[in-house]
């Protein structure tokens, strides 16, 4: 039985959000986002940089923009 290949979940302007890929034996952690509220995008490699990217997205972009709109 064959496994279904994963979908491309890379954030775009049409589909904003945050994507984080954990490290493997051969690669470091990777992450990127596109903010649906302001259009800012960013990318990071490595555990520390990806954590900082997630913290930035959470505090200043995706969820932060949703809190402001009521």
PDB file of N, CA and C in Angstrom:
ATOM      1  N   UNK A   1       0.853  -1.176   0.000  1.00  0.00           N
ATOM      2  CA  UNK A   1       0.000   0.000   0.000  1.00  0.00           C
ATOM      3  C   UNK A   1       0.899   1.239   0.000  1.00  0.00           C
ATOM      4  N   UNK A   2       0.592   2.198  -0.838  1.00  0.00           N
ATOM      5  CA  UNK A   2       1.393   3.397  -0.972  1.00  0.00           C
ATOM      6  C   UNK A   2       0.848   4.511  -0.087  1.00  0.00           C
ATOM      7  N   UNK A   3       1.769   5.261   0.495  1.00  0.00           N
ATOM      8  CA  UNK A   3       1.356   6.414   1.312  1.00  0.00           C
ATOM      9  C   UNK A   3       1.080   7.589   0.401  1.00  0.00           C
ATOM     10  N   UNK A   4       0.088   8.367   0.765  1.00  0.00           N
ATOM     11  CA  UNK A   4      -0.229   9.583   0.023  1.00  0.00           C
ATOM     12  C   UNK A   4       0.834  10.639   0.329  1.00  0.00           C
ATOM     13  N   UNK A   5       1.350  11.298  -0.698  1.00  0.00           N
ATOM     14  CA  UNK A   5       2.343  12.346  -0.490  1.00  0.00           C
ATOM     15  C   UNK A   5       1.716  13.534   0.219  1.00  0.00           C
ATOM     16  N   UNK A   6       2.459  14.202   1.113  1.00  0.00           N
ATOM     17  CA  UNK A   6       1.893  15.349   1.835  1.00  0.00           C
ATOM     18  C   UNK A   6       1.633  16.527   0.902  1.00  0.00           C
ATOM     19  N   UNK A   7       0.627  17.288   1.242  1.00  0.00           N
ATOM     20  CA  UNK A   7       0.304  18.498   0.481  1.00  0.00           C
ATOM     21  C   UNK A   7       1.358  19.566   0.747  1.00  0.00           C
ATOM     22  N   UNK A   8       1.492  20.490  -0.182  1.00  0.00           N
ATOM     23  CA  UNK A   8       2.398  21.616   0.022  1.00  0.00           C
ATOM     24  C   UNK A   8       1.705  22.612   0.944  1.00  0.00           C
ATOM     25  N   UNK A   9       2.197  22.727   2.149  1.00  0.00           N
ATOM     26  CA  UNK A   9       1.572  23.590   3.150  1.00  0.00           C
ATOM     27  C   UNK A   9       2.314  24.906   3.343  1.00  0.00           C
ATOM     28  N   UNK A  10       3.166  25.254   2.392  1.00  0.00           N
ATOM     29  CA  UNK A  10       3.901  26.505   2.479  1.00  0.00           C
ATOM     30  C   UNK A  10       2.936  27.679   2.427  1.00  0.00           C
ATOM     31  N   UNK A  11       2.994  28.600   3.386  1.00  0.00           N
ATOM     32  CA  UNK A  11       2.078  29.737   3.393  1.00  0.00           C
ATOM     33  C   UNK A  11       2.286  30.638   2.171  1.00  0.00           C
ATOM     34  N   UNK A  12       1.194  31.170   1.657  1.00  0.00           N
ATOM     35  CA  UNK A  12       1.222  32.109   0.537  1.00  0.00           C
ATOM     36  C   UNK A  12       0.289  33.265   0.860  1.00  0.00           C
ATOM     37  N   UNK A  13       0.261  34.282   0.013  1.00  0.00           N
ATOM     38  CA  UNK A  13      -0.679  35.389   0.224  1.00  0.00           C
ATOM     39  C   UNK A  13      -2.116  34.892   0.137  1.00  0.00           C
ATOM     40  N   UNK A  14      -2.367  33.929  -0.732  1.00  0.00           N
ATOM     41  CA  UNK A  14      -3.715  33.381  -0.870  1.00  0.00           C
ATOM     42  C   UNK A  14      -4.079  32.456   0.294  1.00  0.00           C
ATOM     43  N   UNK A  15      -3.084  31.891   0.937  1.00  0.00           N
ATOM     44  CA  UNK A  15      -3.296  30.979   2.055  1.00  0.00           C
ATOM     45  C   UNK A  15      -2.281  31.290   3.159  1.00  0.00           C
ATOM     46  N   UNK A  16      -2.489  32.407   3.895  1.00  0.00           N
ATOM     47  CA  UNK A  16      -1.511  32.821   4.905  1.00  0.00           C
ATOM     48  C   UNK A  16      -1.495  31.880   6.099  1.00  0.00           C
ATOM     49  N   UNK A  17      -0.416  31.930   6.840  1.00  0.00           N
ATOM     50  CA  UNK A  17      -0.303  31.134   8.053  1.00  0.00           C
ATOM     51  C   UNK A  17       1.138  30.844   8.396  1.00  0.00           C
ATOM     52  N   UNK A  18       1.306  29.925   9.312  1.00  0.00           N
ATOM     53  CA  UNK A  18       2.614  29.551   9.837  1.00  0.00           C
ATOM     54  C   UNK A  18       2.865  28.086   9.514  1.00  0.00           C
ATOM     55  N   UNK A  19       4.072  27.766   9.046  1.00  0.00           N
ATOM     56  CA  UNK A  19       4.464  26.378   8.792  1.00  0.00           C
ATOM     57  C   UNK A  19       5.782  26.129   9.496  1.00  0.00           C
ATOM     58  N   UNK A  20       5.842  25.053  10.272  1.00  0.00           N
ATOM     59  CA  UNK A  20       7.069  24.674  10.961  1.00  0.00           C
ATOM     60  C   UNK A  20       7.348  23.216  10.632  1.00  0.00           C
ATOM     61  N   UNK A  21       8.589  22.948  10.253  1.00  0.00           N
ATOM     62  CA  UNK A  21       9.030  21.591   9.950  1.00  0.00           C
ATOM     63  C   UNK A  21      10.139  21.248  10.929  1.00  0.00           C
ATOM     64  N   UNK A  22       9.945  20.215  11.717  1.00  0.00           N
ATOM     65  CA  UNK A  22      10.928  19.825  12.721  1.00  0.00           C
ATOM     66  C   UNK A  22      12.202  19.290  12.099  1.00  0.00           C
ATOM     67  N   UNK A  23      13.250  19.236  12.888  1.00  0.00           N
ATOM     68  CA  UNK A  23      14.530  18.750  12.371  1.00  0.00           C
ATOM     69  C   UNK A  23      14.487  17.242  12.128  1.00  0.00           C
ATOM     70  N   UNK A  24      15.321  16.798  11.219  1.00  0.00           N
ATOM     71  CA  UNK A  24      15.516  15.367  10.981  1.00  0.00           C
ATOM     72  C   UNK A  24      16.987  15.054  11.224  1.00  0.00           C
ATOM     73  N   UNK A  25      17.348  13.848  10.960  1.00  0.00           N
ATOM     74  CA  UNK A  25      18.739  13.435  11.116  1.00  0.00           C
ATOM     75  C   UNK A  25      19.660  14.237  10.194  1.00  0.00           C
ATOM     76  N   UNK A  26      19.126  14.677   9.048  1.00  0.00           N
ATOM     77  CA  UNK A  26      19.947  15.328   8.035  1.00  0.00           C
ATOM     78  C   UNK A  26      19.666  16.814   7.837  1.00  0.00           C
ATOM     79  N   UNK A  27      18.583  17.333   8.391  1.00  0.00           N
ATOM     80  CA  UNK A  27      18.237  18.739   8.188  1.00  0.00           C
ATOM     81  C   UNK A  27      17.919  19.401   9.519  1.00  0.00           C
ATOM     82  N   UNK A  28      18.033  20.721   9.553  1.00  0.00           N
ATOM     83  CA  UNK A  28      17.664  21.475  10.749  1.00  0.00           C
ATOM     84  C   UNK A  28      16.194  21.878  10.653  1.00  0.00           C
ATOM     85  N   UNK A  29      15.646  22.361  11.756  1.00  0.00           N
ATOM     86  CA  UNK A  29      14.260  22.823  11.766  1.00  0.00           C
ATOM     87  C   UNK A  29      14.098  23.980  10.786  1.00  0.00           C
ATOM     88  N   UNK A  30      12.931  24.069  10.178  1.00  0.00           N
ATOM     89  CA  UNK A  30      12.629  25.137   9.231  1.00  0.00           C
ATOM     90  C   UNK A  30      11.245  25.692   9.542  1.00  0.00           C
ATOM     91  N   UNK A  31      11.072  26.970   9.286  1.00  0.00           N
ATOM     92  CA  UNK A  31       9.761  27.572   9.484  1.00  0.00           C
ATOM     93  C   UNK A  31       9.597  28.792   8.613  1.00  0.00           C
ATOM     94  N   UNK A  32       8.364  29.084   8.258  1.00  0.00           N
ATOM     95  CA  UNK A  32       8.065  30.310   7.534  1.00  0.00           C
ATOM     96  C   UNK A  32       6.615  30.690   7.761  1.00  0.00           C
ATOM     97  N   UNK A  33       6.331  31.971   7.528  1.00  0.00           N
ATOM     98  CA  UNK A  33       4.967  32.445   7.656  1.00  0.00           C
ATOM     99  C   UNK A  33       4.701  33.557   6.664  1.00  0.00           C
ATOM    100  N   UNK A  34       3.413  33.721   6.393  1.00  0.00           N
ATOM    101  CA  UNK A  34       2.898  34.877   5.668  1.00  0.00           C
ATOM    102  C   UNK A  34       1.715  35.356   6.492  1.00  0.00           C
ATOM    103  N   UNK A  35       1.723  36.623   6.874  1.00  0.00           N
ATOM    104  CA  UNK A  35       0.661  37.181   7.699  1.00  0.00           C
ATOM    105  C   UNK A  35      -0.499  37.612   6.816  1.00  0.00           C
ATOM    106  N   UNK A  36      -1.696  37.154   7.158  1.00  0.00           N
ATOM    107  CA  UNK A  36      -2.878  37.541   6.410  1.00  0.00           C
ATOM    108  C   UNK A  36      -3.352  38.945   6.729  1.00  0.00           C
ATOM    109  N   UNK A  37      -2.903  39.510   7.862  1.00  0.00           N
ATOM    110  CA  UNK A  37      -3.337  40.843   8.252  1.00  0.00           C
ATOM    111  C   UNK A  37      -2.531  41.959   7.627  1.00  0.00           C
ATOM    112  N   UNK A  38      -1.208  41.764   7.523  1.00  0.00           N
ATOM    113  CA  UNK A  38      -0.362  42.846   7.011  1.00  0.00           C
ATOM    114  C   UNK A  38       0.508  42.433   5.833  1.00  0.00           C
ATOM    115  N   UNK A  39       0.525  41.138   5.474  1.00  0.00           N
ATOM    116  CA  UNK A  39       1.272  40.685   4.311  1.00  0.00           C
ATOM    117  C   UNK A  39       2.747  40.433   4.540  1.00  0.00           C
ATOM    118  N   UNK A  40       3.227  40.627   5.759  1.00  0.00           N
ATOM    119  CA  UNK A  40       4.640  40.383   6.069  1.00  0.00           C
ATOM    120  C   UNK A  40       4.918  38.886   5.935  1.00  0.00           C
ATOM    121  N   UNK A  41       6.107  38.545   5.439  1.00  0.00           N
ATOM    122  CA  UNK A  41       6.515  37.143   5.395  1.00  0.00           C
ATOM    123  C   UNK A  41       7.929  37.011   5.922  1.00  0.00           C
ATOM    124  N   UNK A  42       8.243  35.818   6.465  1.00  0.00           N
ATOM    125  CA  UNK A  42       9.568  35.582   7.027  1.00  0.00           C
ATOM    126  C   UNK A  42       9.870  34.088   6.959  1.00  0.00           C
ATOM    127  N   UNK A  43      11.162  33.757   7.049  1.00  0.00           N
ATOM    128  CA  UNK A  43      11.622  32.377   6.968  1.00  0.00           C
ATOM    129  C   UNK A  43      12.786  32.202   7.943  1.00  0.00           C
ATOM    130  N   UNK A  44      12.899  31.022   8.532  1.00  0.00           N
ATOM    131  CA  UNK A  44      14.005  30.758   9.462  1.00  0.00           C
ATOM    132  C   UNK A  44      14.457  29.310   9.366  1.00  0.00           C
ATOM    133  N   UNK A  45      15.725  29.089   9.680  1.00  0.00           N
ATOM    134  CA  UNK A  45      16.319  27.748   9.761  1.00  0.00           C
ATOM    135  C   UNK A  45      17.014  27.605  11.103  1.00  0.00           C
ATOM    136  N   UNK A  46      16.930  26.421  11.689  1.00  0.00           N
ATOM    137  CA  UNK A  46      17.581  26.158  12.973  1.00  0.00           C
ATOM    138  C   UNK A  46      16.607  26.315  14.122  1.00  0.00           C
ATOM    139  N   UNK A  47      16.797  25.528  15.159  1.00  0.00           N
ATOM    140  CA  UNK A  47      15.855  25.496  16.285  1.00  0.00           C
ATOM    141  C   UNK A  47      15.611  26.871  16.908  1.00  0.00           C
ATOM    142  N   UNK A  48      16.665  27.581  17.247  1.00  0.00           N
ATOM    143  CA  UNK A  48      16.504  28.887  17.915  1.00  0.00           C
ATOM    144  C   UNK A  48      15.813  29.898  17.005  1.00  0.00           C
ATOM    145  N   UNK A  49      16.224  29.943  15.741  1.00  0.00           N
ATOM    146  CA  UNK A  49      15.631  30.906  14.816  1.00  0.00           C
ATOM    147  C   UNK A  49      14.165  30.583  14.531  1.00  0.00           C
ATOM    148  N   UNK A  50      13.835  29.302  14.437  1.00  0.00           N
ATOM    149  CA  UNK A  50      12.442  28.919  14.196  1.00  0.00           C
ATOM    150  C   UNK A  50      11.590  29.260  15.414  1.00  0.00           C
ATOM    151  N   UNK A  51      12.113  29.025  16.618  1.00  0.00           N
ATOM    152  CA  UNK A  51      11.355  29.404  17.826  1.00  0.00           C
ATOM    153  C   UNK A  51      11.107  30.903  17.855  1.00  0.00           C
ATOM    154  N   UNK A  52      12.125  31.701  17.506  1.00  0.00           N
ATOM    155  CA  UNK A  52      11.962  33.157  17.466  1.00  0.00           C
ATOM    156  C   UNK A  52      10.944  33.548  16.399  1.00  0.00           C
ATOM    157  N   UNK A  53      10.934  32.854  15.272  1.00  0.00           N
ATOM    158  CA  UNK A  53       9.969  33.121  14.212  1.00  0.00           C
ATOM    159  C   UNK A  53       8.541  32.854  14.702  1.00  0.00           C
ATOM    160  N   UNK A  54       8.345  31.732  15.376  1.00  0.00           N
ATOM    161  CA  UNK A  54       7.018  31.389  15.910  1.00  0.00           C
ATOM    162  C   UNK A  54       6.580  32.419  16.948  1.00  0.00           C
ATOM    163  N   UNK A  55       7.487  32.805  17.834  1.00  0.00           N
ATOM    164  CA  UNK A  55       7.162  33.815  18.852  1.00  0.00           C
ATOM    165  C   UNK A  55       6.779  35.142  18.200  1.00  0.00           C
ATOM    166  N   UNK A  56       7.510  35.549  17.166  1.00  0.00           N
ATOM    167  CA  UNK A  56       7.212  36.789  16.449  1.00  0.00           C
ATOM    168  C   UNK A  56       5.848  36.706  15.773  1.00  0.00           C
ATOM    169  N   UNK A  57       5.575  35.604  15.097  1.00  0.00           N
ATOM    170  CA  UNK A  57       4.291  35.432  14.409  1.00  0.00           C
ATOM    171  C   UNK A  57       3.135  35.474  15.412  1.00  0.00           C
ATOM    172  N   UNK A  58       3.291  34.760  16.515  1.00  0.00           N
ATOM    173  CA  UNK A  58       2.224  34.686  17.513  1.00  0.00           C
ATOM    174  C   UNK A  58       1.972  36.041  18.176  1.00  0.00           C
ATOM    175  N   UNK A  59       3.037  36.761  18.490  1.00  0.00           N
ATOM    176  CA  UNK A  59       2.893  38.031  19.206  1.00  0.00           C
ATOM    177  C   UNK A  59       2.500  39.191  18.299  1.00  0.00           C
ATOM    178  N   UNK A  60       2.948  39.189  17.047  1.00  0.00           N
ATOM    179  CA  UNK A  60       2.797  40.383  16.217  1.00  0.00           C
ATOM    180  C   UNK A  60       2.007  40.208  14.931  1.00  0.00           C
ATOM    181  N   UNK A  61       1.699  39.006  14.545  1.00  0.00           N
ATOM    182  CA  UNK A  61       1.081  38.834  13.231  1.00  0.00           C
ATOM    183  C   UNK A  61      -0.207  38.024  13.295  1.00  0.00           C
ATOM    184  N   UNK A  62      -0.241  36.813  12.811  1.00  0.00           N
ATOM    185  CA  UNK A  62      -1.463  36.020  12.678  1.00  0.00           C
ATOM    186  C   UNK A  62      -2.471  36.183  13.797  1.00  0.00           C
ATOM    187  N   UNK A  63      -2.245  35.568  14.969  1.00  0.00           N
ATOM    188  CA  UNK A  63      -3.202  35.671  16.065  1.00  0.00           C
ATOM    189  C   UNK A  63      -3.371  37.103  16.586  1.00  0.00           C
ATOM    190  N   UNK A  64      -2.300  37.888  16.539  1.00  0.00           N
ATOM    191  CA  UNK A  64      -2.371  39.267  17.041  1.00  0.00           C
ATOM    192  C   UNK A  64      -3.339  40.100  16.201  1.00  0.00           C
ATOM    193  N   UNK A  65      -3.366  39.910  14.896  1.00  0.00           N
ATOM    194  CA  UNK A  65      -4.296  40.646  14.040  1.00  0.00           C
ATOM    195  C   UNK A  65      -5.738  40.227  14.291  1.00  0.00           C
ATOM    196  N   UNK A  66      -5.952  38.952  14.590  1.00  0.00           N
ATOM    197  CA  UNK A  66      -7.324  38.481  14.851  1.00  0.00           C
ATOM    198  C   UNK A  66      -7.872  39.064  16.129  1.00  0.00           C
ATOM    199  N   UNK A  67      -7.010  39.303  17.124  1.00  0.00           N
ATOM    200  CA  UNK A  67      -7.457  39.859  18.409  1.00  0.00           C
ATOM    201  C   UNK A  67      -7.951  41.303  18.227  1.00  0.00           C
ATOM    202  N   UNK A  68      -7.349  42.035  17.302  1.00  0.00           N
ATOM    203  CA  UNK A  68      -7.698  43.439  17.109  1.00  0.00           C
ATOM    204  C   UNK A  68      -9.032  43.612  16.410  1.00  0.00           C
ATOM    205  N   UNK A  69      -9.430  42.655  15.567  1.00  0.00           N
ATOM    206  CA  UNK A  69     -10.678  42.780  14.820  1.00  0.00           C
ATOM    207  C   UNK A  69     -11.804  42.149  15.602  1.00  0.00           C
ATOM    208  N   UNK A  70     -12.775  42.947  15.951  1.00  0.00           N
ATOM    209  CA  UNK A  70     -13.932  42.428  16.716  1.00  0.00           C
ATOM    210  C   UNK A  70     -15.199  42.724  15.997  1.00  0.00           C
TER     211      UNK A  70
END
